[in-house]
Amino acid sequence: MPGPAFEVVRGPAPLVLIAPHGGRRDSVRRPWTAGGLKTNDLHTAALTAELAVATAASALVNTDLDRNDVDLNRVT
């Protein structure tokens, strides 16, 4: 796995934000996404990290991996 897959934001508030929809699509395994659509959900990762800082929450943010590989609603 190249580089860190998730960004961890630690905050003192009793709130945890999770953003599995950031990251990049794997255009080798999913070639139909190769036409310039390499981001899963635009700005989801950055917005969640900013929201965590603004609310003093903790967050686990997918910054690199294809969401189809890490989103527990999609993993079989």
N, C-alpha and C. Protein backbone atom coordinates (compact mmCIF):
# COMPACT_ATOMS: atom_id res chain seq x y z
N MET A 1 0.85 -1.16 0.00
CA MET A 1 0.00 0.00 0.00
C MET A 1 0.90 1.23 0.00
N PRO A 2 0.86 2.04 -1.04
CA PRO A 2 1.74 3.20 -1.11
C PRO A 2 1.27 4.34 -0.24
N GLY A 3 2.16 4.85 0.59
CA GLY A 3 1.85 6.01 1.42
C GLY A 3 0.76 5.74 2.44
N PRO A 4 0.48 6.73 3.26
CA PRO A 4 -0.58 6.54 4.25
C PRO A 4 -1.94 6.53 3.57
N ALA A 5 -2.76 5.57 3.93
CA ALA A 5 -4.07 5.43 3.30
C ALA A 5 -5.11 6.33 3.95
N PHE A 6 -4.95 6.56 5.24
CA PHE A 6 -5.93 7.34 5.98
C PHE A 6 -5.24 8.46 6.74
N GLU A 7 -5.91 9.58 6.83
CA GLU A 7 -5.45 10.68 7.67
C GLU A 7 -6.21 10.56 8.99
N VAL A 8 -5.50 10.65 10.09
CA VAL A 8 -6.12 10.59 11.41
C VAL A 8 -6.04 11.98 12.02
N VAL A 9 -7.19 12.52 12.38
CA VAL A 9 -7.26 13.81 13.05
C VAL A 9 -7.70 13.52 14.48
N ARG A 10 -6.92 13.96 15.45
CA ARG A 10 -7.26 13.70 16.85
C ARG A 10 -7.80 14.98 17.48
N GLY A 11 -8.97 14.85 18.08
CA GLY A 11 -9.58 16.00 18.73
C GLY A 11 -10.12 15.62 20.10
N PRO A 12 -10.29 16.59 20.98
CA PRO A 12 -10.74 16.31 22.35
C PRO A 12 -12.24 16.10 22.50
N ALA A 13 -13.03 16.50 21.52
CA ALA A 13 -14.49 16.36 21.64
C ALA A 13 -14.90 14.89 21.50
N PRO A 14 -16.00 14.49 22.12
CA PRO A 14 -16.48 13.10 22.03
C PRO A 14 -17.26 12.88 20.72
N LEU A 15 -16.59 13.16 19.62
CA LEU A 15 -17.21 13.05 18.30
C LEU A 15 -16.18 12.50 17.33
N VAL A 16 -16.58 11.51 16.54
CA VAL A 16 -15.69 10.92 15.54
C VAL A 16 -16.35 11.03 14.17
N LEU A 17 -15.64 11.63 13.23
CA LEU A 17 -16.12 11.74 11.86
C LEU A 17 -15.36 10.72 11.02
N ILE A 18 -16.05 10.06 10.11
CA ILE A 18 -15.42 9.06 9.25
C ILE A 18 -15.76 9.39 7.80
N ALA A 19 -14.73 9.44 6.97
CA ALA A 19 -14.93 9.78 5.55
C ALA A 19 -14.28 8.72 4.66
N PRO A 20 -15.00 7.62 4.39
CA PRO A 20 -14.43 6.59 3.51
C PRO A 20 -14.50 6.94 2.04
N HIS A 21 -15.21 8.00 1.66
CA HIS A 21 -15.44 8.30 0.24
C HIS A 21 -14.42 9.23 -0.39
N GLY A 22 -13.37 9.56 0.33
CA GLY A 22 -12.29 10.33 -0.28
C GLY A 22 -11.45 9.39 -1.13
N GLY A 23 -10.21 9.68 -1.31
CA GLY A 23 -9.31 8.78 -2.01
C GLY A 23 -9.40 8.85 -3.51
N ARG A 24 -8.84 7.86 -4.15
CA ARG A 24 -8.76 7.81 -5.61
C ARG A 24 -9.28 6.48 -6.12
N ARG A 25 -9.93 6.51 -7.26
CA ARG A 25 -10.39 5.26 -7.88
C ARG A 25 -9.20 4.54 -8.49
N ASP A 26 -9.25 3.23 -8.47
CA ASP A 26 -8.22 2.39 -9.07
C ASP A 26 -8.59 2.18 -10.53
N SER A 27 -7.97 2.94 -11.43
CA SER A 27 -8.34 2.88 -12.84
C SER A 27 -7.86 1.59 -13.52
N VAL A 28 -6.95 0.85 -12.89
CA VAL A 28 -6.53 -0.44 -13.45
C VAL A 28 -7.61 -1.48 -13.19
N ARG A 29 -8.09 -1.54 -11.94
CA ARG A 29 -9.13 -2.51 -11.58
C ARG A 29 -10.50 -2.08 -12.04
N ARG A 30 -10.71 -0.77 -12.22
CA ARG A 30 -12.00 -0.23 -12.66
C ARG A 30 -11.77 0.70 -13.84
N PRO A 31 -11.47 0.13 -15.02
CA PRO A 31 -11.08 0.93 -16.18
C PRO A 31 -12.16 1.88 -16.68
N TRP A 32 -13.41 1.63 -16.36
CA TRP A 32 -14.48 2.52 -16.80
C TRP A 32 -14.41 3.88 -16.11
N THR A 33 -13.55 4.02 -15.08
CA THR A 33 -13.41 5.30 -14.38
C THR A 33 -12.19 6.08 -14.86
N ALA A 34 -11.52 5.59 -15.88
CA ALA A 34 -10.25 6.20 -16.30
C ALA A 34 -10.43 7.50 -17.08
N GLY A 35 -11.61 7.85 -17.50
CA GLY A 35 -11.83 9.04 -18.31
C GLY A 35 -11.80 10.33 -17.52
N GLY A 36 -10.81 10.50 -16.66
CA GLY A 36 -10.68 11.72 -15.90
C GLY A 36 -11.41 11.71 -14.57
N LEU A 37 -12.20 10.71 -14.30
CA LEU A 37 -12.95 10.62 -13.05
C LEU A 37 -12.16 9.80 -12.03
N LYS A 38 -11.13 10.37 -11.48
CA LYS A 38 -10.27 9.62 -10.59
C LYS A 38 -10.57 9.86 -9.11
N THR A 39 -11.34 10.86 -8.79
CA THR A 39 -11.68 11.14 -7.41
C THR A 39 -13.04 10.52 -7.11
N ASN A 40 -13.17 9.87 -5.96
CA ASN A 40 -14.44 9.26 -5.61
C ASN A 40 -15.51 10.30 -5.35
N ASP A 41 -15.37 11.09 -4.35
CA ASP A 41 -16.32 12.16 -4.04
C ASP A 41 -15.51 13.43 -3.81
N LEU A 42 -15.63 14.36 -4.72
CA LEU A 42 -14.83 15.58 -4.65
C LEU A 42 -14.99 16.28 -3.30
N HIS A 43 -13.89 16.64 -2.72
CA HIS A 43 -13.81 17.46 -1.50
C HIS A 43 -14.27 16.76 -0.22
N THR A 44 -14.71 15.52 -0.28
CA THR A 44 -15.18 14.83 0.92
C THR A 44 -14.09 14.71 1.97
N ALA A 45 -12.90 14.30 1.56
CA ALA A 45 -11.80 14.12 2.52
C ALA A 45 -11.40 15.44 3.15
N ALA A 46 -11.19 16.47 2.33
CA ALA A 46 -10.76 17.77 2.86
C ALA A 46 -11.84 18.39 3.74
N LEU A 47 -13.08 18.29 3.32
CA LEU A 47 -14.18 18.87 4.10
C LEU A 47 -14.30 18.20 5.47
N THR A 48 -14.15 16.89 5.52
CA THR A 48 -14.24 16.17 6.79
C THR A 48 -13.10 16.55 7.71
N ALA A 49 -11.89 16.65 7.18
CA ALA A 49 -10.74 17.05 8.00
C ALA A 49 -10.94 18.47 8.55
N GLU A 50 -11.42 19.38 7.72
CA GLU A 50 -11.67 20.75 8.17
C GLU A 50 -12.79 20.79 9.22
N LEU A 51 -13.83 20.00 9.01
CA LEU A 51 -14.94 19.95 9.96
C LEU A 51 -14.48 19.41 11.31
N ALA A 52 -13.59 18.42 11.28
CA ALA A 52 -13.06 17.86 12.53
C ALA A 52 -12.30 18.92 13.31
N VAL A 53 -11.47 19.68 12.62
CA VAL A 53 -10.72 20.74 13.30
C VAL A 53 -11.67 21.80 13.85
N ALA A 54 -12.65 22.19 13.07
CA ALA A 54 -13.59 23.24 13.47
C ALA A 54 -14.45 22.83 14.66
N THR A 55 -14.72 21.54 14.81
CA THR A 55 -15.59 21.06 15.89
C THR A 55 -14.82 20.37 17.02
N ALA A 56 -13.50 20.33 16.92
CA ALA A 56 -12.63 19.66 17.89
C ALA A 56 -12.89 18.15 17.93
N ALA A 57 -13.41 17.61 16.84
CA ALA A 57 -13.71 16.17 16.76
C ALA A 57 -12.47 15.41 16.30
N SER A 58 -12.53 14.11 16.43
CA SER A 58 -11.54 13.23 15.83
C SER A 58 -12.09 12.78 14.48
N ALA A 59 -11.21 12.37 13.58
CA ALA A 59 -11.67 11.93 12.26
C ALA A 59 -10.74 10.89 11.69
N LEU A 60 -11.32 10.00 10.91
CA LEU A 60 -10.59 9.02 10.12
C LEU A 60 -10.99 9.28 8.67
N VAL A 61 -10.02 9.76 7.87
CA VAL A 61 -10.32 10.23 6.53
C VAL A 61 -9.53 9.43 5.49
N ASN A 62 -10.24 8.82 4.56
CA ASN A 62 -9.61 8.10 3.46
C ASN A 62 -9.06 9.13 2.48
N THR A 63 -7.75 9.16 2.33
CA THR A 63 -7.13 10.13 1.43
C THR A 63 -6.56 9.49 0.16
N ASP A 64 -6.38 8.18 0.15
CA ASP A 64 -5.69 7.55 -0.98
C ASP A 64 -6.40 6.36 -1.61
N LEU A 65 -7.06 5.54 -0.82
CA LEU A 65 -7.59 4.28 -1.32
C LEU A 65 -8.93 4.44 -2.02
N ASP A 66 -9.20 3.54 -2.95
CA ASP A 66 -10.49 3.48 -3.63
C ASP A 66 -11.56 3.17 -2.59
N ARG A 67 -12.61 3.97 -2.54
CA ARG A 67 -13.64 3.77 -1.51
C ARG A 67 -14.30 2.41 -1.62
N ASN A 68 -14.31 1.81 -2.79
CA ASN A 68 -14.89 0.48 -2.95
C ASN A 68 -14.12 -0.57 -2.17
N ASP A 69 -12.88 -0.26 -1.80
CA ASP A 69 -12.07 -1.19 -1.03
C ASP A 69 -12.15 -0.95 0.47
N VAL A 70 -12.61 0.22 0.90
CA VAL A 70 -12.60 0.52 2.33
C VAL A 70 -13.97 0.85 2.92
N ASP A 71 -14.94 1.17 2.10
CA ASP A 71 -16.27 1.51 2.58
C ASP A 71 -16.96 0.22 3.04
N LEU A 72 -17.25 0.12 4.33
CA LEU A 72 -17.82 -1.12 4.87
C LEU A 72 -19.19 -1.44 4.33
N ASN A 73 -19.86 -0.46 3.74
CA ASN A 73 -21.14 -0.73 3.09
C ASN A 73 -20.97 -1.38 1.73
N ARG A 74 -19.73 -1.42 1.22
CA ARG A 74 -19.47 -1.98 -0.10
C ARG A 74 -18.60 -3.23 -0.06
N VAL A 75 -17.91 -3.46 1.03
CA VAL A 75 -16.99 -4.60 1.12
C VAL A 75 -17.81 -5.85 1.40
N THR A 76 -17.61 -6.88 0.58
CA THR A 76 -18.36 -8.12 0.79
C THR A 76 -17.66 -9.04 1.77
